[in-house]
Amino acid sequence: MTCPQCQQPIPAKSLWTTSGFSGIICPGCSASLTPKPLTAILLFVMSIGLGDLALVLLRKNGAGLLLAFVGFFLVTTAVFALAAPLVLQMRPKDHGPSGSSAHHVA
């Protein structure tokens, strides 16, 4: 994962902030970044899909509901953590019109 402005690598730990994807800052140029929507959707589908597959396989092999849910959570988290630096592509964050963060309705 690299910054689209300065082409410096962005460390994976930058994704794990309390504000989620809305607080990603490039360590090289201090640009505010956000993931491209399609790559974020792809990461979500991969994480949830493989977590669901683990849930189904655990339930099919006789695991209880609680154990299957824990397996779903662990697989979803692991896939997200491992795939995010590889799948996500960043873009500069849109800041909208200055002076207001509200959406204007016509």
N, C-alpha and C. Protein backbone atom coordinates (compact mmCIF):
# COMPACT_ATOMS: atom_id res chain seq x y z
N MET A 1 0.85 -1.16 0.00
CA MET A 1 0.00 0.00 0.00
C MET A 1 0.91 1.24 0.00
N THR A 2 0.69 2.10 -0.96
CA THR A 2 1.51 3.30 -1.07
C THR A 2 0.63 4.54 -1.13
N CYS A 3 1.21 5.67 -0.77
CA CYS A 3 0.52 6.95 -0.82
C CYS A 3 0.42 7.39 -2.28
N PRO A 4 -0.77 7.81 -2.73
CA PRO A 4 -0.91 8.24 -4.12
C PRO A 4 -0.21 9.57 -4.40
N GLN A 5 0.13 10.34 -3.38
CA GLN A 5 0.78 11.63 -3.60
C GLN A 5 2.30 11.54 -3.60
N CYS A 6 2.87 10.87 -2.58
CA CYS A 6 4.34 10.86 -2.47
C CYS A 6 4.95 9.50 -2.79
N GLN A 7 4.10 8.49 -3.04
CA GLN A 7 4.54 7.12 -3.38
C GLN A 7 5.34 6.44 -2.27
N GLN A 8 5.25 6.94 -1.04
CA GLN A 8 5.90 6.30 0.10
C GLN A 8 5.01 5.16 0.60
N PRO A 9 5.62 4.09 1.10
CA PRO A 9 4.79 3.00 1.64
C PRO A 9 4.06 3.44 2.91
N ILE A 10 2.83 2.97 3.04
CA ILE A 10 2.03 3.24 4.23
C ILE A 10 2.04 1.97 5.07
N PRO A 11 2.51 2.03 6.31
CA PRO A 11 2.56 0.82 7.13
C PRO A 11 1.16 0.29 7.45
N ALA A 12 1.05 -1.02 7.56
CA ALA A 12 -0.24 -1.66 7.83
C ALA A 12 -0.83 -1.19 9.16
N LYS A 13 0.03 -0.83 10.12
CA LYS A 13 -0.49 -0.39 11.42
C LYS A 13 -1.28 0.92 11.30
N SER A 14 -1.11 1.65 10.21
CA SER A 14 -1.86 2.89 9.99
C SER A 14 -3.35 2.63 9.80
N LEU A 15 -3.72 1.42 9.39
CA LEU A 15 -5.13 1.07 9.20
C LEU A 15 -5.85 0.83 10.51
N TRP A 16 -5.12 0.48 11.55
CA TRP A 16 -5.72 0.13 12.83
C TRP A 16 -5.74 1.34 13.75
N THR A 17 -6.66 2.27 13.48
CA THR A 17 -6.83 3.45 14.30
C THR A 17 -8.22 3.42 14.94
N THR A 18 -8.40 4.22 15.95
CA THR A 18 -9.72 4.26 16.61
C THR A 18 -10.78 4.87 15.69
N SER A 19 -10.36 5.67 14.72
CA SER A 19 -11.31 6.27 13.80
C SER A 19 -11.50 5.44 12.53
N GLY A 20 -10.90 4.25 12.48
CA GLY A 20 -11.06 3.38 11.32
C GLY A 20 -10.37 3.93 10.09
N PHE A 21 -11.00 3.75 8.93
CA PHE A 21 -10.41 4.20 7.67
C PHE A 21 -10.47 5.72 7.51
N SER A 22 -11.20 6.42 8.36
CA SER A 22 -11.33 7.87 8.19
C SER A 22 -10.13 8.63 8.75
N GLY A 23 -9.23 7.95 9.46
CA GLY A 23 -8.10 8.65 10.07
C GLY A 23 -6.75 8.23 9.54
N ILE A 24 -6.67 7.74 8.31
CA ILE A 24 -5.40 7.28 7.75
C ILE A 24 -4.60 8.50 7.28
N ILE A 25 -3.37 8.61 7.78
CA ILE A 25 -2.48 9.72 7.43
C ILE A 25 -1.19 9.12 6.87
N CYS A 26 -0.72 9.66 5.75
CA CYS A 26 0.55 9.21 5.17
C CYS A 26 1.69 9.68 6.07
N PRO A 27 2.59 8.77 6.48
CA PRO A 27 3.72 9.19 7.32
C PRO A 27 4.75 10.01 6.55
N GLY A 28 4.76 9.93 5.23
CA GLY A 28 5.73 10.66 4.43
C GLY A 28 5.35 12.11 4.17
N CYS A 29 4.10 12.33 3.71
CA CYS A 29 3.69 13.69 3.32
C CYS A 29 2.53 14.23 4.17
N SER A 30 2.07 13.47 5.13
CA SER A 30 0.97 13.86 6.05
C SER A 30 -0.36 14.10 5.33
N ALA A 31 -0.56 13.48 4.19
CA ALA A 31 -1.83 13.62 3.47
C ALA A 31 -2.89 12.75 4.13
N SER A 32 -4.12 13.25 4.20
CA SER A 32 -5.26 12.47 4.68
C SER A 32 -5.70 11.55 3.55
N LEU A 33 -5.79 10.27 3.85
CA LEU A 33 -6.10 9.28 2.82
C LEU A 33 -7.36 8.50 3.18
N THR A 34 -7.98 7.98 2.16
CA THR A 34 -9.13 7.09 2.33
C THR A 34 -9.01 5.99 1.28
N PRO A 35 -9.52 4.79 1.55
CA PRO A 35 -9.42 3.73 0.55
C PRO A 35 -10.36 3.99 -0.64
N LYS A 36 -9.96 3.51 -1.80
CA LYS A 36 -10.84 3.57 -2.95
C LYS A 36 -12.04 2.68 -2.65
N PRO A 37 -13.24 3.13 -2.99
CA PRO A 37 -14.45 2.38 -2.61
C PRO A 37 -14.47 0.92 -3.07
N LEU A 38 -14.08 0.65 -4.31
CA LEU A 38 -14.15 -0.73 -4.80
C LEU A 38 -13.20 -1.66 -4.05
N THR A 39 -12.03 -1.16 -3.67
CA THR A 39 -11.10 -2.01 -2.93
C THR A 39 -11.60 -2.26 -1.51
N ALA A 40 -12.26 -1.27 -0.92
CA ALA A 40 -12.83 -1.45 0.42
C ALA A 40 -13.97 -2.47 0.38
N ILE A 41 -14.79 -2.41 -0.67
CA ILE A 41 -15.88 -3.37 -0.82
C ILE A 41 -15.32 -4.77 -1.04
N LEU A 42 -14.29 -4.89 -1.87
CA LEU A 42 -13.66 -6.19 -2.11
C LEU A 42 -13.12 -6.78 -0.82
N LEU A 43 -12.45 -5.96 -0.01
CA LEU A 43 -11.92 -6.43 1.27
C LEU A 43 -13.04 -6.89 2.19
N PHE A 44 -14.13 -6.14 2.25
CA PHE A 44 -15.28 -6.50 3.08
C PHE A 44 -15.88 -7.83 2.63
N VAL A 45 -16.08 -7.98 1.32
CA VAL A 45 -16.68 -9.21 0.79
C VAL A 45 -15.78 -10.42 1.06
N MET A 46 -14.46 -10.24 0.87
CA MET A 46 -13.53 -11.34 1.15
C MET A 46 -13.57 -11.73 2.62
N SER A 47 -13.52 -10.75 3.50
CA SER A 47 -13.48 -11.01 4.94
C SER A 47 -14.75 -11.71 5.42
N ILE A 48 -15.89 -11.13 5.08
CA ILE A 48 -17.16 -11.70 5.52
C ILE A 48 -17.43 -13.03 4.83
N GLY A 49 -17.09 -13.13 3.55
CA GLY A 49 -17.32 -14.38 2.82
C GLY A 49 -16.54 -15.55 3.39
N LEU A 50 -15.25 -15.34 3.66
CA LEU A 50 -14.45 -16.43 4.23
C LEU A 50 -14.83 -16.71 5.68
N GLY A 51 -15.24 -15.67 6.41
CA GLY A 51 -15.75 -15.89 7.77
C GLY A 51 -17.01 -16.71 7.75
N ASP A 52 -17.90 -16.42 6.80
CA ASP A 52 -19.15 -17.19 6.66
C ASP A 52 -18.86 -18.63 6.27
N LEU A 53 -17.88 -18.82 5.39
CA LEU A 53 -17.48 -20.17 5.02
C LEU A 53 -17.00 -20.96 6.24
N ALA A 54 -16.21 -20.30 7.08
CA ALA A 54 -15.74 -20.95 8.32
C ALA A 54 -16.92 -21.29 9.22
N LEU A 55 -17.89 -20.38 9.33
CA LEU A 55 -19.07 -20.62 10.15
C LEU A 55 -19.84 -21.84 9.65
N VAL A 56 -20.06 -21.90 8.34
CA VAL A 56 -20.81 -23.02 7.75
C VAL A 56 -20.06 -24.33 7.97
N LEU A 57 -18.75 -24.33 7.73
CA LEU A 57 -17.97 -25.56 7.90
C LEU A 57 -17.94 -26.02 9.36
N LEU A 58 -17.82 -25.09 10.27
CA LEU A 58 -17.82 -25.46 11.69
C LEU A 58 -19.18 -26.03 12.10
N ARG A 59 -20.27 -25.40 11.65
CA ARG A 59 -21.61 -25.91 12.00
C ARG A 59 -21.84 -27.27 11.36
N LYS A 60 -21.36 -27.46 10.12
CA LYS A 60 -21.55 -28.73 9.43
C LYS A 60 -20.79 -29.86 10.12
N ASN A 61 -19.66 -29.53 10.74
CA ASN A 61 -18.86 -30.53 11.44
C ASN A 61 -19.23 -30.69 12.90
N GLY A 62 -20.38 -30.15 13.30
CA GLY A 62 -20.91 -30.41 14.63
C GLY A 62 -20.52 -29.42 15.71
N ALA A 63 -19.90 -28.32 15.36
CA ALA A 63 -19.54 -27.32 16.37
C ALA A 63 -20.80 -26.60 16.85
N GLY A 64 -20.78 -26.20 18.11
CA GLY A 64 -21.89 -25.44 18.66
C GLY A 64 -21.94 -24.04 18.06
N LEU A 65 -23.07 -23.39 18.30
CA LEU A 65 -23.27 -22.07 17.72
C LEU A 65 -22.24 -21.06 18.23
N LEU A 66 -21.92 -21.11 19.52
CA LEU A 66 -20.96 -20.17 20.08
C LEU A 66 -19.57 -20.38 19.48
N LEU A 67 -19.14 -21.61 19.37
CA LEU A 67 -17.83 -21.92 18.78
C LEU A 67 -17.80 -21.52 17.30
N ALA A 68 -18.89 -21.75 16.58
CA ALA A 68 -18.95 -21.37 15.18
C ALA A 68 -18.88 -19.85 15.02
N PHE A 69 -19.55 -19.13 15.93
CA PHE A 69 -19.49 -17.67 15.88
C PHE A 69 -18.08 -17.16 16.16
N VAL A 70 -17.41 -17.76 17.13
CA VAL A 70 -16.03 -17.37 17.43
C VAL A 70 -15.14 -17.65 16.23
N GLY A 71 -15.34 -18.78 15.56
CA GLY A 71 -14.58 -19.10 14.35
C GLY A 71 -14.83 -18.09 13.25
N PHE A 72 -16.09 -17.70 13.09
CA PHE A 72 -16.44 -16.66 12.10
C PHE A 72 -15.70 -15.37 12.41
N PHE A 73 -15.73 -14.94 13.64
CA PHE A 73 -15.09 -13.69 14.04
C PHE A 73 -13.58 -13.76 13.83
N LEU A 74 -12.96 -14.86 14.23
CA LEU A 74 -11.51 -14.99 14.09
C LEU A 74 -11.07 -15.02 12.62
N VAL A 75 -11.78 -15.76 11.79
CA VAL A 75 -11.43 -15.84 10.37
C VAL A 75 -11.66 -14.48 9.69
N THR A 76 -12.77 -13.83 9.99
CA THR A 76 -13.05 -12.52 9.40
C THR A 76 -11.96 -11.51 9.77
N THR A 77 -11.58 -11.49 11.05
CA THR A 77 -10.55 -10.56 11.51
C THR A 77 -9.19 -10.88 10.89
N ALA A 78 -8.84 -12.16 10.83
CA ALA A 78 -7.54 -12.55 10.27
C ALA A 78 -7.46 -12.22 8.78
N VAL A 79 -8.52 -12.50 8.03
CA VAL A 79 -8.52 -12.19 6.59
C VAL A 79 -8.41 -10.68 6.39
N PHE A 80 -9.15 -9.91 7.19
CA PHE A 80 -9.08 -8.46 7.07
C PHE A 80 -7.67 -7.96 7.36
N ALA A 81 -7.08 -8.43 8.44
CA ALA A 81 -5.75 -7.96 8.84
C ALA A 81 -4.69 -8.32 7.82
N LEU A 82 -4.78 -9.51 7.25
CA LEU A 82 -3.76 -9.95 6.29
C LEU A 82 -3.98 -9.39 4.88
N ALA A 83 -5.23 -9.22 4.50
CA ALA A 83 -5.52 -8.78 3.13
C ALA A 83 -5.57 -7.27 2.97
N ALA A 84 -5.85 -6.53 4.03
CA ALA A 84 -5.99 -5.08 3.91
C ALA A 84 -4.77 -4.40 3.30
N PRO A 85 -3.55 -4.69 3.77
CA PRO A 85 -2.41 -4.02 3.15
C PRO A 85 -2.18 -4.42 1.69
N LEU A 86 -2.66 -5.59 1.30
CA LEU A 86 -2.46 -6.06 -0.07
C LEU A 86 -3.55 -5.59 -1.02
N VAL A 87 -4.78 -5.47 -0.52
CA VAL A 87 -5.93 -5.20 -1.38
C VAL A 87 -6.24 -3.71 -1.47
N LEU A 88 -6.18 -3.01 -0.35
CA LEU A 88 -6.61 -1.61 -0.34
C LEU A 88 -5.70 -0.72 -1.18
N GLN A 89 -6.33 0.15 -1.93
CA GLN A 89 -5.62 1.20 -2.66
C GLN A 89 -6.14 2.53 -2.11
N MET A 90 -5.22 3.44 -1.85
CA MET A 90 -5.59 4.70 -1.23
C MET A 90 -5.78 5.81 -2.25
N ARG A 91 -6.55 6.81 -1.84
CA ARG A 91 -6.72 8.04 -2.61
C ARG A 91 -6.79 9.18 -1.61
N PRO A 92 -6.46 10.40 -2.05
CA PRO A 92 -6.57 11.54 -1.13
C PRO A 92 -8.02 11.73 -0.70
N LYS A 93 -8.19 12.10 0.55
CA LYS A 93 -9.53 12.29 1.09
C LYS A 93 -10.13 13.57 0.53
N ASP A 94 -11.41 13.51 0.13
CA ASP A 94 -12.14 14.69 -0.31
C ASP A 94 -12.51 15.51 0.91
N HIS A 95 -12.26 16.81 0.84
CA HIS A 95 -12.56 17.65 2.00
C HIS A 95 -13.77 18.55 1.79
N GLY A 96 -14.40 18.51 0.64
CA GLY A 96 -15.61 19.28 0.39
C GLY A 96 -15.38 20.77 0.47
N PRO A 97 -16.46 21.56 0.46
CA PRO A 97 -16.32 23.01 0.52
C PRO A 97 -15.80 23.45 1.89
N SER A 98 -14.95 24.45 1.88
CA SER A 98 -14.38 24.93 3.14
C SER A 98 -15.43 25.66 3.95
N GLY A 99 -15.35 25.51 5.26
CA GLY A 99 -16.26 26.21 6.16
C GLY A 99 -17.47 25.39 6.58
N SER A 100 -17.74 24.29 5.89
CA SER A 100 -18.91 23.50 6.24
C SER A 100 -18.64 22.03 5.93
N SER A 101 -19.05 21.18 6.86
CA SER A 101 -18.92 19.75 6.62
C SER A 101 -20.26 19.11 6.31
N ALA A 102 -21.31 19.94 6.25
CA ALA A 102 -22.66 19.43 6.01
C ALA A 102 -22.90 19.29 4.51
N HIS A 103 -23.77 18.36 4.17
CA HIS A 103 -24.17 18.19 2.78
C HIS A 103 -25.26 19.23 2.47
N HIS A 104 -25.16 19.84 1.30
CA HIS A 104 -26.14 20.83 0.90
C HIS A 104 -27.21 20.18 0.06
N VAL A 105 -28.46 20.49 0.35
CA VAL A 105 -29.59 19.95 -0.40
C VAL A 105 -30.10 21.05 -1.30
N ALA A 106 -30.29 20.72 -2.57
CA ALA A 106 -30.77 21.73 -3.53
C ALA A 106 -32.24 21.93 -3.41
